Amino acid sequence: MQLSTTVQVDKVIRFQASAALSGAGVFIVDLLDLYCMAATTTSAYRLPVAARLRKIEAWCPPSSTGAAVTLSIEDRAPGVGIVAPSRIMEDTTMGVSRPAHLVWKPSAQSVLSKWLDDSGGVGQLLLLTAPVGTTFDVHLSWTLQDGEVPVAVTAGVVAATVGQLYIRSLNSTGANNIPPVSYVTI
């Protein structure tokens, strides 16, 4: 049996949209920047070197007026590696009591189901469309730094506590409006 020398972390992180999402992009750097440690009050370094997206479960709250609201997750077909066609999964709320609910898993033929780092040219992974208040449970795995040169997180850092571990927004390099729930974030 092969033994890995790299530490792997499997995690489920809950996020909640703080604004309406209309094709909000999630990039590989967003997944790698999720888990980081502050080096100064204005800089942080990511702990993972690779990420694997396993599943996203999402719930969209119904409109208080009963109007239909649609939740969608769209695979993006990255232009490198094993490419599968893009696909869109959607569900729509019904009335004021039935939320929309999706369980998204990457296609086995897609590069989205593989271990990814930001050196392979893979950019945008997903597009999310949902109203404010939508909850996303993201199931992912990371391999942690093991002698690699530390990489600074991509998006800006403000008012961080040196040495503190943080979970960042699911779209921290974009609109930064899908923050984690119940985690310290910057």
N, C-alpha and C. Protein backbone atom coordinates (compact mmCIF):
# COMPACT_ATOMS: atom_id res chain seq x y z
N MET A 1 0.84 -1.18 0.00
CA MET A 1 0.00 0.00 0.00
C MET A 1 0.89 1.25 0.00
N GLN A 2 0.53 2.20 -0.83
CA GLN A 2 1.29 3.45 -0.90
C GLN A 2 0.88 4.36 0.25
N LEU A 3 1.86 4.92 0.94
CA LEU A 3 1.60 5.84 2.04
C LEU A 3 1.94 7.26 1.59
N SER A 4 1.00 8.15 1.76
CA SER A 4 1.23 9.54 1.38
C SER A 4 2.00 10.24 2.48
N THR A 5 2.96 11.06 2.11
CA THR A 5 3.70 11.84 3.09
C THR A 5 3.09 13.22 3.29
N THR A 6 2.09 13.53 2.52
CA THR A 6 1.43 14.83 2.59
C THR A 6 0.17 14.73 3.44
N VAL A 7 -0.05 15.71 4.28
CA VAL A 7 -1.24 15.75 5.12
C VAL A 7 -2.43 16.15 4.26
N GLN A 8 -3.50 15.37 4.33
CA GLN A 8 -4.74 15.68 3.61
C GLN A 8 -5.83 16.01 4.62
N VAL A 9 -6.56 17.06 4.34
CA VAL A 9 -7.67 17.49 5.19
C VAL A 9 -8.96 17.39 4.39
N ASP A 10 -9.94 16.67 4.92
CA ASP A 10 -11.27 16.61 4.32
C ASP A 10 -12.18 17.48 5.17
N LYS A 11 -12.91 18.38 4.54
CA LYS A 11 -13.67 19.39 5.28
C LYS A 11 -14.98 19.69 4.59
N VAL A 12 -16.00 19.98 5.39
CA VAL A 12 -17.26 20.52 4.88
C VAL A 12 -17.37 21.92 5.48
N ILE A 13 -17.51 22.91 4.62
CA ILE A 13 -17.61 24.29 5.08
C ILE A 13 -18.93 24.86 4.59
N ARG A 14 -19.66 25.50 5.49
CA ARG A 14 -20.93 26.13 5.12
C ARG A 14 -20.69 27.60 4.80
N PHE A 15 -21.26 28.02 3.68
CA PHE A 15 -21.20 29.42 3.24
C PHE A 15 -22.63 29.91 3.05
N GLN A 16 -22.82 31.23 3.16
CA GLN A 16 -24.15 31.80 2.92
C GLN A 16 -23.99 33.09 2.12
N ALA A 17 -24.73 33.17 1.02
CA ALA A 17 -24.65 34.34 0.13
C ALA A 17 -25.15 35.57 0.86
N SER A 18 -24.33 36.61 0.91
CA SER A 18 -24.71 37.87 1.55
C SER A 18 -25.33 38.85 0.55
N ALA A 19 -25.37 38.46 -0.72
CA ALA A 19 -25.98 39.26 -1.78
C ALA A 19 -26.48 38.29 -2.84
N ALA A 20 -27.35 38.77 -3.70
CA ALA A 20 -27.83 37.93 -4.80
C ALA A 20 -26.66 37.59 -5.71
N LEU A 21 -26.63 36.34 -6.18
CA LEU A 21 -25.55 35.88 -7.05
C LEU A 21 -26.11 35.68 -8.45
N SER A 22 -25.45 36.27 -9.42
CA SER A 22 -25.86 36.10 -10.81
C SER A 22 -24.64 35.65 -11.61
N GLY A 23 -24.41 34.36 -11.63
CA GLY A 23 -23.23 33.84 -12.31
C GLY A 23 -21.95 34.16 -11.57
N ALA A 24 -21.97 34.07 -10.23
CA ALA A 24 -20.77 34.33 -9.43
C ALA A 24 -19.75 33.23 -9.68
N GLY A 25 -18.57 33.61 -10.10
CA GLY A 25 -17.53 32.65 -10.42
C GLY A 25 -16.79 32.15 -9.19
N VAL A 26 -16.49 30.85 -9.19
CA VAL A 26 -15.62 30.24 -8.18
C VAL A 26 -14.42 29.69 -8.94
N PHE A 27 -13.23 30.14 -8.56
CA PHE A 27 -12.00 29.79 -9.23
C PHE A 27 -11.18 28.84 -8.37
N ILE A 28 -10.21 28.16 -8.97
CA ILE A 28 -9.34 27.27 -8.21
C ILE A 28 -8.60 28.05 -7.12
N VAL A 29 -8.17 29.28 -7.40
CA VAL A 29 -7.48 30.07 -6.36
C VAL A 29 -8.40 30.36 -5.19
N ASP A 30 -9.71 30.46 -5.42
CA ASP A 30 -10.65 30.65 -4.31
C ASP A 30 -10.61 29.44 -3.37
N LEU A 31 -10.58 28.23 -3.94
CA LEU A 31 -10.53 27.02 -3.11
C LEU A 31 -9.21 26.90 -2.36
N LEU A 32 -8.11 27.27 -3.03
CA LEU A 32 -6.80 27.19 -2.38
C LEU A 32 -6.62 28.28 -1.33
N ASP A 33 -7.22 29.45 -1.55
CA ASP A 33 -7.12 30.56 -0.60
C ASP A 33 -8.08 30.43 0.58
N LEU A 34 -9.02 29.47 0.52
CA LEU A 34 -10.01 29.35 1.58
C LEU A 34 -9.38 29.24 2.96
N TYR A 35 -8.38 28.40 3.10
CA TYR A 35 -7.78 28.11 4.39
C TYR A 35 -6.42 28.78 4.43
N CYS A 36 -6.26 29.77 5.31
CA CYS A 36 -5.02 30.54 5.32
C CYS A 36 -4.64 30.97 6.73
N MET A 37 -3.42 31.46 6.86
CA MET A 37 -2.92 31.98 8.13
C MET A 37 -2.37 33.38 7.91
N ALA A 38 -2.72 34.29 8.81
CA ALA A 38 -2.26 35.68 8.70
C ALA A 38 -0.79 35.77 9.09
N ALA A 39 0.00 36.41 8.23
CA ALA A 39 1.41 36.66 8.50
C ALA A 39 1.61 38.06 9.09
N THR A 40 0.79 38.99 8.63
CA THR A 40 0.77 40.36 9.15
C THR A 40 -0.70 40.78 9.20
N THR A 41 -0.97 42.00 9.57
CA THR A 41 -2.36 42.47 9.62
C THR A 41 -2.94 42.66 8.22
N THR A 42 -2.09 42.69 7.20
CA THR A 42 -2.56 42.91 5.83
C THR A 42 -2.12 41.83 4.84
N SER A 43 -1.60 40.71 5.34
CA SER A 43 -1.20 39.63 4.44
C SER A 43 -1.46 38.27 5.10
N ALA A 44 -1.75 37.30 4.26
CA ALA A 44 -1.97 35.93 4.73
C ALA A 44 -1.44 34.96 3.69
N TYR A 45 -1.10 33.76 4.13
CA TYR A 45 -0.58 32.72 3.25
C TYR A 45 -1.49 31.50 3.30
N ARG A 46 -1.73 30.94 2.12
CA ARG A 46 -2.59 29.75 2.05
C ARG A 46 -1.86 28.55 2.63
N LEU A 47 -2.63 27.67 3.23
CA LEU A 47 -2.08 26.43 3.78
C LEU A 47 -2.13 25.28 2.77
N PRO A 48 -3.19 25.17 1.94
CA PRO A 48 -3.22 24.08 0.96
C PRO A 48 -2.35 24.37 -0.27
N VAL A 49 -1.89 23.28 -0.91
CA VAL A 49 -1.22 23.40 -2.20
C VAL A 49 -2.06 22.80 -3.32
N ALA A 50 -3.05 21.99 -2.95
CA ALA A 50 -3.95 21.39 -3.94
C ALA A 50 -5.32 21.20 -3.29
N ALA A 51 -6.36 21.22 -4.12
CA ALA A 51 -7.72 21.06 -3.63
C ALA A 51 -8.48 20.11 -4.54
N ARG A 52 -9.44 19.43 -3.95
CA ARG A 52 -10.31 18.53 -4.71
C ARG A 52 -11.74 18.80 -4.26
N LEU A 53 -12.56 19.24 -5.18
CA LEU A 53 -13.95 19.57 -4.91
C LEU A 53 -14.77 18.29 -5.01
N ARG A 54 -15.41 17.88 -3.92
CA ARG A 54 -16.11 16.61 -3.89
C ARG A 54 -17.63 16.73 -4.09
N LYS A 55 -18.23 17.76 -3.47
CA LYS A 55 -19.68 17.91 -3.56
C LYS A 55 -20.06 19.28 -3.05
N ILE A 56 -21.15 19.83 -3.60
CA ILE A 56 -21.76 21.04 -3.06
C ILE A 56 -23.24 20.76 -2.89
N GLU A 57 -23.74 21.00 -1.69
CA GLU A 57 -25.17 20.91 -1.43
C GLU A 57 -25.65 22.32 -1.13
N ALA A 58 -26.72 22.74 -1.81
CA ALA A 58 -27.19 24.12 -1.68
C ALA A 58 -28.68 24.17 -1.42
N TRP A 59 -29.09 25.15 -0.60
CA TRP A 59 -30.49 25.41 -0.31
C TRP A 59 -30.76 26.88 -0.56
N CYS A 60 -31.81 27.15 -1.30
CA CYS A 60 -32.20 28.51 -1.66
C CYS A 60 -33.50 28.84 -0.95
N PRO A 61 -33.55 29.91 -0.15
CA PRO A 61 -34.79 30.24 0.55
C PRO A 61 -35.87 30.71 -0.41
N PRO A 62 -37.13 30.34 -0.12
CA PRO A 62 -38.21 30.81 -0.97
C PRO A 62 -38.46 32.31 -0.77
N SER A 63 -39.04 32.94 -1.76
CA SER A 63 -39.39 34.36 -1.68
C SER A 63 -40.56 34.53 -0.72
N SER A 64 -40.56 35.60 0.04
CA SER A 64 -41.67 35.86 0.99
C SER A 64 -42.97 36.16 0.26
N THR A 65 -42.89 36.48 -1.04
CA THR A 65 -44.10 36.76 -1.82
C THR A 65 -44.60 35.52 -2.56
N GLY A 66 -43.83 34.44 -2.50
CA GLY A 66 -44.22 33.23 -3.21
C GLY A 66 -43.74 33.18 -4.64
N ALA A 67 -43.04 34.22 -5.10
CA ALA A 67 -42.51 34.23 -6.46
C ALA A 67 -41.44 33.15 -6.60
N ALA A 68 -41.38 32.54 -7.76
CA ALA A 68 -40.39 31.50 -8.01
C ALA A 68 -38.99 32.08 -8.02
N VAL A 69 -38.07 31.39 -7.36
CA VAL A 69 -36.67 31.79 -7.31
C VAL A 69 -35.84 30.59 -7.74
N THR A 70 -34.89 30.81 -8.63
CA THR A 70 -34.09 29.70 -9.17
C THR A 70 -32.68 29.70 -8.59
N LEU A 71 -32.22 28.51 -8.27
CA LEU A 71 -30.87 28.25 -7.79
C LEU A 71 -30.18 27.43 -8.87
N SER A 72 -28.97 27.80 -9.25
CA SER A 72 -28.26 27.00 -10.25
C SER A 72 -26.77 26.95 -9.96
N ILE A 73 -26.19 25.81 -10.32
CA ILE A 73 -24.74 25.59 -10.26
C ILE A 73 -24.34 25.11 -11.65
N GLU A 74 -23.42 25.85 -12.26
CA GLU A 74 -22.96 25.49 -13.60
C GLU A 74 -21.50 25.09 -13.54
N ASP A 75 -21.21 23.88 -14.05
CA ASP A 75 -19.81 23.45 -14.24
C ASP A 75 -19.22 24.31 -15.33
N ARG A 76 -17.99 24.66 -15.17
CA ARG A 76 -17.26 25.28 -16.27
C ARG A 76 -16.32 24.22 -16.81
N ALA A 77 -16.16 24.13 -18.10
CA ALA A 77 -15.28 23.13 -18.68
C ALA A 77 -13.90 23.76 -18.85
N PRO A 78 -13.00 23.58 -17.86
CA PRO A 78 -11.67 24.18 -17.98
C PRO A 78 -10.96 23.71 -19.24
N GLY A 79 -10.12 24.55 -19.77
CA GLY A 79 -9.47 24.29 -21.05
C GLY A 79 -8.22 23.47 -20.99
N VAL A 80 -7.95 22.77 -19.89
CA VAL A 80 -6.77 21.92 -19.80
C VAL A 80 -7.17 20.57 -19.22
N GLY A 81 -6.31 19.59 -19.40
CA GLY A 81 -6.54 18.28 -18.79
C GLY A 81 -7.73 17.57 -19.39
N ILE A 82 -8.42 16.80 -18.56
CA ILE A 82 -9.57 16.03 -18.99
C ILE A 82 -10.78 16.96 -18.97
N VAL A 83 -11.41 17.14 -20.10
CA VAL A 83 -12.50 18.11 -20.21
C VAL A 83 -13.82 17.39 -20.46
N ALA A 84 -14.81 17.72 -19.67
CA ALA A 84 -16.17 17.22 -19.88
C ALA A 84 -17.02 18.42 -20.27
N PRO A 85 -18.13 18.21 -20.94
CA PRO A 85 -18.98 19.34 -21.32
C PRO A 85 -19.50 20.08 -20.09
N SER A 86 -19.71 21.39 -20.24
CA SER A 86 -20.33 22.16 -19.16
C SER A 86 -21.73 21.62 -18.93
N ARG A 87 -22.20 21.75 -17.70
CA ARG A 87 -23.57 21.35 -17.39
C ARG A 87 -24.12 22.31 -16.36
N ILE A 88 -25.44 22.47 -16.37
CA ILE A 88 -26.11 23.34 -15.42
C ILE A 88 -27.12 22.50 -14.65
N MET A 89 -27.07 22.61 -13.32
CA MET A 89 -28.07 21.98 -12.47
C MET A 89 -28.90 23.10 -11.86
N GLU A 90 -30.23 22.94 -11.90
CA GLU A 90 -31.12 23.99 -11.39
C GLU A 90 -32.25 23.39 -10.57
N ASP A 91 -32.75 24.19 -9.64
CA ASP A 91 -33.99 23.89 -8.93
C ASP A 91 -34.65 25.22 -8.64
N THR A 92 -35.97 25.19 -8.53
CA THR A 92 -36.74 26.42 -8.32
C THR A 92 -37.62 26.26 -7.09
N THR A 93 -37.73 27.34 -6.32
CA THR A 93 -38.59 27.33 -5.14
C THR A 93 -40.05 27.26 -5.58
N MET A 94 -40.90 26.80 -4.69
CA MET A 94 -42.34 26.75 -4.96
C MET A 94 -43.07 27.36 -3.79
N GLY A 95 -43.84 28.42 -4.06
CA GLY A 95 -44.60 29.08 -3.00
C GLY A 95 -43.68 29.71 -1.96
N VAL A 96 -44.19 29.79 -0.73
CA VAL A 96 -43.40 30.41 0.34
C VAL A 96 -42.81 29.37 1.29
N SER A 97 -43.04 28.09 1.03
CA SER A 97 -42.58 27.08 1.99
C SER A 97 -41.61 26.04 1.44
N ARG A 98 -41.44 25.93 0.12
CA ARG A 98 -40.55 24.91 -0.43
C ARG A 98 -39.28 25.57 -0.99
N PRO A 99 -38.14 25.36 -0.31
CA PRO A 99 -36.88 25.91 -0.83
C PRO A 99 -36.38 25.11 -2.03
N ALA A 100 -35.54 25.73 -2.81
CA ALA A 100 -34.84 25.01 -3.88
C ALA A 100 -33.67 24.28 -3.24
N HIS A 101 -33.36 23.10 -3.75
CA HIS A 101 -32.28 22.28 -3.17
C HIS A 101 -31.53 21.56 -4.29
N LEU A 102 -30.21 21.65 -4.25
CA LEU A 102 -29.36 20.97 -5.23
C LEU A 102 -28.25 20.19 -4.53
N VAL A 103 -27.89 19.06 -5.10
CA VAL A 103 -26.69 18.34 -4.70
C VAL A 103 -25.86 18.18 -5.96
N TRP A 104 -24.75 18.90 -6.02
CA TRP A 104 -23.87 18.89 -7.19
C TRP A 104 -22.63 18.07 -6.88
N LYS A 105 -22.26 17.20 -7.81
CA LYS A 105 -20.99 16.47 -7.74
C LYS A 105 -20.32 16.61 -9.10
N PRO A 106 -18.98 16.72 -9.11
CA PRO A 106 -18.31 16.83 -10.39
C PRO A 106 -18.42 15.54 -11.18
N SER A 107 -18.54 15.66 -12.47
CA SER A 107 -18.56 14.50 -13.35
C SER A 107 -17.21 13.80 -13.28
N ALA A 108 -17.22 12.48 -13.28
CA ALA A 108 -15.97 11.71 -13.21
C ALA A 108 -15.06 11.99 -14.40
N GLN A 109 -15.64 12.42 -15.53
CA GLN A 109 -14.84 12.71 -16.73
C GLN A 109 -14.28 14.13 -16.73
N SER A 110 -14.66 14.93 -15.77
CA SER A 110 -14.26 16.33 -15.74
C SER A 110 -12.99 16.52 -14.92
N VAL A 111 -12.23 17.54 -15.29
CA VAL A 111 -11.06 17.92 -14.51
C VAL A 111 -11.49 18.39 -13.12
N LEU A 112 -12.76 18.78 -12.97
CA LEU A 112 -13.26 19.24 -11.67
C LEU A 112 -13.25 18.14 -10.62
N SER A 113 -13.20 16.88 -11.04
CA SER A 113 -13.19 15.77 -10.08
C SER A 113 -11.76 15.38 -9.66
N LYS A 114 -10.76 16.06 -10.18
CA LYS A 114 -9.36 15.71 -9.93
C LYS A 114 -8.74 16.66 -8.89
N TRP A 115 -7.55 16.30 -8.42
CA TRP A 115 -6.78 17.20 -7.56
C TRP A 115 -6.31 18.37 -8.43
N LEU A 116 -6.51 19.58 -7.95
CA LEU A 116 -6.16 20.77 -8.71
C LEU A 116 -5.24 21.68 -7.91
N ASP A 117 -4.30 22.28 -8.61
CA ASP A 117 -3.53 23.38 -8.03
C ASP A 117 -3.60 24.53 -9.02
N ASP A 118 -3.02 25.64 -8.69
CA ASP A 118 -3.18 26.80 -9.59
C ASP A 118 -2.05 26.91 -10.61
N SER A 119 -1.27 25.85 -10.82
CA SER A 119 -0.20 25.91 -11.80
C SER A 119 -0.60 25.35 -13.16
N GLY A 120 -1.77 24.69 -13.24
CA GLY A 120 -2.13 24.00 -14.47
C GLY A 120 -3.01 24.79 -15.41
N GLY A 121 -3.21 26.06 -15.17
CA GLY A 121 -4.02 26.87 -16.07
C GLY A 121 -5.51 26.72 -15.87
N VAL A 122 -5.92 25.98 -14.84
CA VAL A 122 -7.36 25.83 -14.57
C VAL A 122 -7.82 27.10 -13.86
N GLY A 123 -8.80 27.76 -14.42
CA GLY A 123 -9.28 29.00 -13.83
C GLY A 123 -10.61 28.82 -13.16
N GLN A 124 -11.64 29.27 -13.84
CA GLN A 124 -12.99 29.24 -13.28
C GLN A 124 -13.53 27.82 -13.24
N LEU A 125 -14.05 27.43 -12.09
CA LEU A 125 -14.59 26.08 -11.91
C LEU A 125 -16.10 26.05 -12.00
N LEU A 126 -16.76 27.01 -11.36
CA LEU A 126 -18.22 27.01 -11.25
C LEU A 126 -18.77 28.41 -11.40
N LEU A 127 -20.05 28.47 -11.81
CA LEU A 127 -20.84 29.70 -11.77
C LEU A 127 -22.04 29.43 -10.88
N LEU A 128 -22.27 30.29 -9.89
CA LEU A 128 -23.37 30.14 -8.96
C LEU A 128 -24.39 31.24 -9.18
N THR A 129 -25.67 30.87 -9.26
CA THR A 129 -26.75 31.84 -9.37
C THR A 129 -27.76 31.51 -8.29
N ALA A 130 -28.02 32.50 -7.42
CA ALA A 130 -28.90 32.26 -6.28
C ALA A 130 -29.25 33.59 -5.61
N PRO A 131 -30.36 33.62 -4.86
CA PRO A 131 -30.71 34.85 -4.13
C PRO A 131 -29.90 34.98 -2.85
N VAL A 132 -29.97 36.15 -2.24
CA VAL A 132 -29.33 36.39 -0.95
C VAL A 132 -29.86 35.36 0.05
N GLY A 133 -29.00 34.90 0.94
CA GLY A 133 -29.40 33.94 1.96
C GLY A 133 -29.24 32.48 1.56
N THR A 134 -28.85 32.21 0.32
CA THR A 134 -28.66 30.82 -0.11
C THR A 134 -27.49 30.21 0.65
N THR A 135 -27.67 28.98 1.10
CA THR A 135 -26.65 28.26 1.85
C THR A 135 -25.97 27.24 0.96
N PHE A 136 -24.63 27.20 1.02
CA PHE A 136 -23.83 26.25 0.26
C PHE A 136 -22.96 25.45 1.23
N ASP A 137 -23.14 24.14 1.26
CA ASP A 137 -22.23 23.26 2.01
C ASP A 137 -21.24 22.69 1.01
N VAL A 138 -19.98 23.09 1.14
CA VAL A 138 -18.94 22.70 0.20
C VAL A 138 -18.10 21.59 0.84
N HIS A 139 -18.10 20.43 0.20
CA HIS A 139 -17.31 19.28 0.64
C HIS A 139 -16.04 19.25 -0.20
N LEU A 140 -14.89 19.39 0.45
CA LEU A 140 -13.65 19.41 -0.32
C LEU A 140 -12.52 18.78 0.46
N SER A 141 -11.45 18.51 -0.23
CA SER A 141 -10.22 17.99 0.37
C SER A 141 -9.09 18.90 -0.03
N TRP A 142 -8.14 19.06 0.89
CA TRP A 142 -6.94 19.82 0.61
C TRP A 142 -5.72 18.96 0.94
N THR A 143 -4.63 19.15 0.22
CA THR A 143 -3.33 18.68 0.67
C THR A 143 -2.60 19.91 1.17
N LEU A 144 -2.02 19.79 2.35
CA LEU A 144 -1.39 20.95 2.99
C LEU A 144 0.06 21.12 2.55
N GLN A 145 0.56 22.33 2.75
CA GLN A 145 1.95 22.67 2.43
C GLN A 145 2.89 21.63 3.04
N ASP A 146 3.88 21.23 2.30
CA ASP A 146 4.86 20.26 2.79
C ASP A 146 6.22 20.60 2.18
N GLY A 147 6.76 21.74 2.60
CA GLY A 147 8.06 22.16 2.10
C GLY A 147 8.01 23.07 0.89
N GLU A 148 6.81 23.29 0.33
CA GLU A 148 6.69 24.21 -0.81
C GLU A 148 6.88 25.65 -0.34
N VAL A 149 7.21 26.52 -1.26
CA VAL A 149 7.33 27.95 -0.96
C VAL A 149 5.93 28.47 -0.65
N PRO A 150 5.74 29.14 0.49
CA PRO A 150 4.41 29.66 0.82
C PRO A 150 3.90 30.63 -0.25
N VAL A 151 2.58 30.57 -0.49
CA VAL A 151 1.95 31.41 -1.50
C VAL A 151 0.96 32.34 -0.79
N ALA A 152 1.07 33.62 -1.05
CA ALA A 152 0.15 34.59 -0.46
C ALA A 152 -1.24 34.43 -1.06
N VAL A 153 -2.28 34.70 -0.25
CA VAL A 153 -3.63 34.66 -0.78
C VAL A 153 -3.79 35.76 -1.83
N THR A 154 -4.68 35.54 -2.77
CA THR A 154 -4.81 36.43 -3.92
C THR A 154 -5.50 37.74 -3.58
N ALA A 155 -6.64 37.66 -2.93
CA ALA A 155 -7.41 38.87 -2.62
C ALA A 155 -6.86 39.56 -1.38
N GLY A 156 -7.18 40.84 -1.25
CA GLY A 156 -6.66 41.66 -0.16
C GLY A 156 -7.06 41.17 1.22
N VAL A 157 -6.22 41.48 2.20
CA VAL A 157 -6.44 41.13 3.59
C VAL A 157 -6.45 42.42 4.39
N VAL A 158 -7.42 42.55 5.29
CA VAL A 158 -7.53 43.75 6.12
C VAL A 158 -7.79 43.32 7.56
N ALA A 159 -7.10 43.94 8.49
CA ALA A 159 -7.33 43.78 9.94
C ALA A 159 -7.22 42.32 10.41
N ALA A 160 -6.23 41.61 9.91
CA ALA A 160 -6.01 40.23 10.33
C ALA A 160 -5.21 40.20 11.63
N THR A 161 -5.33 39.13 12.37
CA THR A 161 -4.54 38.91 13.58
C THR A 161 -3.40 37.96 13.21
N VAL A 162 -2.18 38.37 13.46
CA VAL A 162 -1.01 37.58 13.09
C VAL A 162 -1.08 36.20 13.74
N GLY A 163 -0.88 35.15 12.92
CA GLY A 163 -0.90 33.78 13.41
C GLY A 163 -2.27 33.14 13.45
N GLN A 164 -3.32 33.91 13.21
CA GLN A 164 -4.70 33.39 13.24
C GLN A 164 -4.99 32.61 11.96
N LEU A 165 -5.68 31.47 12.10
CA LEU A 165 -6.16 30.73 10.94
C LEU A 165 -7.51 31.29 10.52
N TYR A 166 -7.73 31.40 9.21
CA TYR A 166 -8.96 31.96 8.68
C TYR A 166 -9.53 31.08 7.58
N ILE A 167 -10.86 31.13 7.44
CA ILE A 167 -11.55 30.58 6.28
C ILE A 167 -12.07 31.79 5.51
N ARG A 168 -11.73 31.87 4.24
CA ARG A 168 -12.12 33.02 3.42
C ARG A 168 -13.43 32.77 2.69
N SER A 169 -13.92 33.77 2.02
CA SER A 169 -15.14 33.68 1.23
C SER A 169 -14.96 32.69 0.08
N LEU A 170 -16.05 32.04 -0.34
CA LEU A 170 -16.00 31.07 -1.43
C LEU A 170 -15.61 31.73 -2.75
N ASN A 171 -15.88 33.02 -2.88
CA ASN A 171 -15.49 33.76 -4.09
C ASN A 171 -14.65 34.99 -3.70
N SER A 172 -13.61 34.74 -2.92
CA SER A 172 -12.80 35.84 -2.38
C SER A 172 -12.07 36.64 -3.45
N THR A 173 -11.81 36.05 -4.62
CA THR A 173 -11.13 36.80 -5.68
C THR A 173 -12.12 37.55 -6.56
N GLY A 174 -13.41 37.37 -6.33
CA GLY A 174 -14.44 38.06 -7.10
C GLY A 174 -15.17 39.06 -6.23
N ALA A 175 -16.49 38.92 -6.18
CA ALA A 175 -17.33 39.85 -5.42
C ALA A 175 -17.20 39.66 -3.91
N ASN A 176 -16.63 38.54 -3.47
CA ASN A 176 -16.40 38.29 -2.04
C ASN A 176 -17.70 38.36 -1.24
N ASN A 177 -18.78 37.78 -1.79
CA ASN A 177 -20.08 37.88 -1.13
C ASN A 177 -20.69 36.51 -0.78
N ILE A 178 -19.82 35.50 -0.61
CA ILE A 178 -20.27 34.19 -0.14
C ILE A 178 -19.38 33.81 1.04
N PRO A 179 -19.57 34.51 2.20
CA PRO A 179 -18.71 34.27 3.35
C PRO A 179 -19.03 32.96 4.07
N PRO A 180 -18.08 32.43 4.82
CA PRO A 180 -18.34 31.22 5.60
C PRO A 180 -19.22 31.53 6.79
N VAL A 181 -19.91 30.51 7.27
CA VAL A 181 -20.76 30.64 8.45
C VAL A 181 -20.02 30.03 9.63
N SER A 182 -19.95 30.74 10.74
CA SER A 182 -19.38 30.26 12.00
C SER A 182 -17.87 30.04 11.96
N TYR A 183 -17.16 30.72 11.10
CA TYR A 183 -15.70 30.66 11.05
C TYR A 183 -15.16 32.08 11.12
N VAL A 184 -13.94 32.21 11.64
CA VAL A 184 -13.25 33.49 11.61
C VAL A 184 -12.82 33.73 10.17
N THR A 185 -13.15 34.90 9.64
CA THR A 185 -12.87 35.18 8.23
C THR A 185 -12.24 36.55 8.06
N ILE A 186 -11.49 36.71 6.96
CA ILE A 186 -10.90 38.02 6.61
C ILE A 186 -11.21 38.28 5.14
